[in-house]
Amino acid sequence: MVGTETSSYMRQVASMVDDKMREISERNPSLDTAKIAVLAAVNSVHDYLKLKEQVEQMEEELKNLKG
């Protein structure tokens, strides 16, 4: 992998993707690697969108509290 982040950060990202793929593979042993990768990507984007929504809600609450 190549990126603009540090090598330790890139290893952390790769490790998290690997963990997610292993988790999916354990639950669905009949899936091939490509399908597992797609499911890992979909799950990751879903998690990202949920967290983004939570941050936006918290920012709105903070804005309302500050008046």
N, C-alpha and C. Protein backbone atom coordinates (compact mmCIF):
# COMPACT_ATOMS: atom_id res chain seq x y z
N MET A 1 0.84 -1.18 0.00
CA MET A 1 0.00 0.00 0.00
C MET A 1 0.88 1.24 0.00
N VAL A 2 0.39 2.25 -0.66
CA VAL A 2 1.09 3.52 -0.72
C VAL A 2 0.10 4.61 -0.34
N GLY A 3 0.54 5.55 0.45
CA GLY A 3 -0.34 6.64 0.84
C GLY A 3 0.46 7.79 1.39
N THR A 4 -0.23 8.85 1.75
CA THR A 4 0.43 10.03 2.28
C THR A 4 0.57 9.98 3.79
N GLU A 5 -0.05 9.01 4.43
CA GLU A 5 0.02 8.87 5.88
C GLU A 5 1.28 8.11 6.28
N THR A 6 1.55 8.06 7.58
CA THR A 6 2.71 7.33 8.07
C THR A 6 2.54 5.83 7.84
N SER A 7 3.65 5.13 7.83
CA SER A 7 3.58 3.68 7.61
C SER A 7 2.84 2.99 8.75
N SER A 8 2.97 3.48 9.98
CA SER A 8 2.24 2.86 11.09
C SER A 8 0.73 3.06 10.93
N TYR A 9 0.34 4.22 10.44
CA TYR A 9 -1.08 4.48 10.19
C TYR A 9 -1.60 3.55 9.10
N MET A 10 -0.84 3.40 8.04
CA MET A 10 -1.23 2.53 6.93
C MET A 10 -1.34 1.08 7.41
N ARG A 11 -0.42 0.65 8.29
CA ARG A 11 -0.52 -0.71 8.85
C ARG A 11 -1.78 -0.86 9.69
N GLN A 12 -2.12 0.18 10.44
CA GLN A 12 -3.33 0.13 11.26
C GLN A 12 -4.57 0.00 10.38
N VAL A 13 -4.64 0.77 9.31
CA VAL A 13 -5.77 0.69 8.38
C VAL A 13 -5.85 -0.70 7.78
N ALA A 14 -4.72 -1.21 7.30
CA ALA A 14 -4.70 -2.54 6.69
C ALA A 14 -5.12 -3.61 7.69
N SER A 15 -4.68 -3.47 8.93
CA SER A 15 -5.05 -4.43 9.97
C SER A 15 -6.54 -4.40 10.25
N MET A 16 -7.13 -3.21 10.27
CA MET A 16 -8.56 -3.10 10.52
C MET A 16 -9.37 -3.71 9.37
N VAL A 17 -8.92 -3.49 8.14
CA VAL A 17 -9.59 -4.09 6.99
C VAL A 17 -9.47 -5.60 7.06
N ASP A 18 -8.28 -6.09 7.38
CA ASP A 18 -8.06 -7.52 7.50
C ASP A 18 -8.95 -8.13 8.57
N ASP A 19 -9.05 -7.46 9.71
CA ASP A 19 -9.91 -7.95 10.80
C ASP A 19 -11.36 -8.03 10.34
N LYS A 20 -11.83 -6.99 9.64
CA LYS A 20 -13.22 -6.97 9.17
C LYS A 20 -13.46 -8.10 8.17
N MET A 21 -12.49 -8.31 7.28
CA MET A 21 -12.63 -9.38 6.28
C MET A 21 -12.64 -10.75 6.94
N ARG A 22 -11.80 -10.95 7.95
CA ARG A 22 -11.78 -12.23 8.68
C ARG A 22 -13.11 -12.47 9.39
N GLU A 23 -13.64 -11.42 9.99
CA GLU A 23 -14.93 -11.50 10.69
C GLU A 23 -16.03 -11.93 9.72
N ILE A 24 -16.07 -11.31 8.56
CA ILE A 24 -17.08 -11.64 7.55
C ILE A 24 -16.88 -13.06 7.04
N SER A 25 -15.63 -13.44 6.82
CA SER A 25 -15.31 -14.78 6.31
C SER A 25 -15.73 -15.86 7.30
N GLU A 26 -15.53 -15.60 8.59
CA GLU A 26 -15.92 -16.57 9.61
C GLU A 26 -17.43 -16.77 9.64
N ARG A 27 -18.17 -15.70 9.40
CA ARG A 27 -19.64 -15.79 9.40
C ARG A 27 -20.19 -16.37 8.10
N ASN A 28 -19.43 -16.21 7.01
CA ASN A 28 -19.87 -16.65 5.68
C ASN A 28 -18.73 -17.39 4.97
N PRO A 29 -18.41 -18.60 5.42
CA PRO A 29 -17.24 -19.31 4.88
C PRO A 29 -17.33 -19.65 3.39
N SER A 30 -18.50 -19.60 2.80
CA SER A 30 -18.64 -19.96 1.40
C SER A 30 -18.32 -18.80 0.45
N LEU A 31 -18.15 -17.58 0.99
CA LEU A 31 -17.89 -16.42 0.13
C LEU A 31 -16.44 -16.40 -0.35
N ASP A 32 -16.25 -15.94 -1.59
CA ASP A 32 -14.89 -15.78 -2.09
C ASP A 32 -14.31 -14.45 -1.61
N THR A 33 -13.01 -14.29 -1.81
CA THR A 33 -12.31 -13.11 -1.30
C THR A 33 -12.87 -11.81 -1.85
N ALA A 34 -13.24 -11.78 -3.11
CA ALA A 34 -13.78 -10.55 -3.70
C ALA A 34 -15.08 -10.14 -3.02
N LYS A 35 -15.96 -11.09 -2.78
CA LYS A 35 -17.24 -10.77 -2.13
C LYS A 35 -17.01 -10.33 -0.68
N ILE A 36 -16.06 -10.97 -0.03
CA ILE A 36 -15.72 -10.59 1.35
C ILE A 36 -15.19 -9.16 1.37
N ALA A 37 -14.35 -8.82 0.40
CA ALA A 37 -13.78 -7.47 0.33
C ALA A 37 -14.88 -6.43 0.10
N VAL A 38 -15.82 -6.75 -0.78
CA VAL A 38 -16.93 -5.81 -1.05
C VAL A 38 -17.77 -5.63 0.20
N LEU A 39 -18.09 -6.71 0.89
CA LEU A 39 -18.87 -6.60 2.12
C LEU A 39 -18.12 -5.80 3.18
N ALA A 40 -16.82 -6.00 3.28
CA ALA A 40 -16.01 -5.23 4.23
C ALA A 40 -16.07 -3.74 3.89
N ALA A 41 -15.97 -3.42 2.61
CA ALA A 41 -16.05 -2.03 2.18
C ALA A 41 -17.42 -1.43 2.49
N VAL A 42 -18.47 -2.16 2.18
CA VAL A 42 -19.84 -1.68 2.45
C VAL A 42 -20.04 -1.46 3.94
N ASN A 43 -19.61 -2.43 4.75
CA ASN A 43 -19.74 -2.29 6.20
C ASN A 43 -18.95 -1.10 6.72
N SER A 44 -17.76 -0.89 6.19
CA SER A 44 -16.92 0.23 6.63
C SER A 44 -17.54 1.57 6.28
N VAL A 45 -18.09 1.69 5.08
CA VAL A 45 -18.74 2.94 4.69
C VAL A 45 -20.00 3.16 5.52
N HIS A 46 -20.73 2.11 5.79
CA HIS A 46 -21.91 2.22 6.66
C HIS A 46 -21.51 2.76 8.03
N ASP A 47 -20.46 2.17 8.63
CA ASP A 47 -19.98 2.63 9.93
C ASP A 47 -19.56 4.09 9.86
N TYR A 48 -18.85 4.46 8.79
CA TYR A 48 -18.40 5.84 8.61
C TYR A 48 -19.60 6.80 8.55
N LEU A 49 -20.60 6.45 7.76
CA LEU A 49 -21.76 7.33 7.62
C LEU A 49 -22.52 7.49 8.93
N LYS A 50 -22.64 6.41 9.69
CA LYS A 50 -23.30 6.50 10.99
C LYS A 50 -22.52 7.42 11.93
N LEU A 51 -21.20 7.27 11.96
CA LEU A 51 -20.38 8.13 12.81
C LEU A 51 -20.44 9.59 12.36
N LYS A 52 -20.43 9.80 11.05
CA LYS A 52 -20.53 11.16 10.51
C LYS A 52 -21.84 11.80 10.94
N GLU A 53 -22.91 11.03 10.87
CA GLU A 53 -24.23 11.53 11.29
C GLU A 53 -24.22 11.90 12.77
N GLN A 54 -23.59 11.06 13.59
CA GLN A 54 -23.52 11.34 15.02
C GLN A 54 -22.72 12.62 15.29
N VAL A 55 -21.62 12.80 14.58
CA VAL A 55 -20.80 14.01 14.74
C VAL A 55 -21.61 15.24 14.35
N GLU A 56 -22.33 15.15 13.24
CA GLU A 56 -23.14 16.29 12.80
C GLU A 56 -24.22 16.63 13.82
N GLN A 57 -24.84 15.60 14.40
CA GLN A 57 -25.86 15.84 15.43
C GLN A 57 -25.24 16.50 16.66
N MET A 58 -24.07 16.02 17.06
CA MET A 58 -23.40 16.58 18.23
C MET A 58 -22.96 18.03 17.97
N GLU A 59 -22.50 18.30 16.75
CA GLU A 59 -22.13 19.67 16.39
C GLU A 59 -23.34 20.59 16.43
N GLU A 60 -24.48 20.10 15.97
CA GLU A 60 -25.71 20.89 16.01
C GLU A 60 -26.13 21.15 17.46
N GLU A 61 -26.04 20.12 18.31
CA GLU A 61 -26.38 20.30 19.72
C GLU A 61 -25.46 21.31 20.38
N LEU A 62 -24.18 21.23 20.07
CA LEU A 62 -23.22 22.17 20.63
C LEU A 62 -23.53 23.59 20.18
N LYS A 63 -23.85 23.74 18.91
CA LYS A 63 -24.20 25.05 18.36
C LYS A 63 -25.43 25.61 19.09
N ASN A 64 -26.43 24.76 19.35
CA ASN A 64 -27.63 25.21 20.06
C ASN A 64 -27.33 25.57 21.50
N LEU A 65 -26.43 24.82 22.13
CA LEU A 65 -26.07 25.13 23.52
C LEU A 65 -25.31 26.44 23.63
N LYS A 66 -24.51 26.74 22.63
CA LYS A 66 -23.75 28.00 22.65
C LYS A 66 -24.64 29.19 22.33
N GLY A 67 -25.81 28.90 21.77
CA GLY A 67 -26.76 29.97 21.50
C GLY A 67 -26.47 30.67 20.26
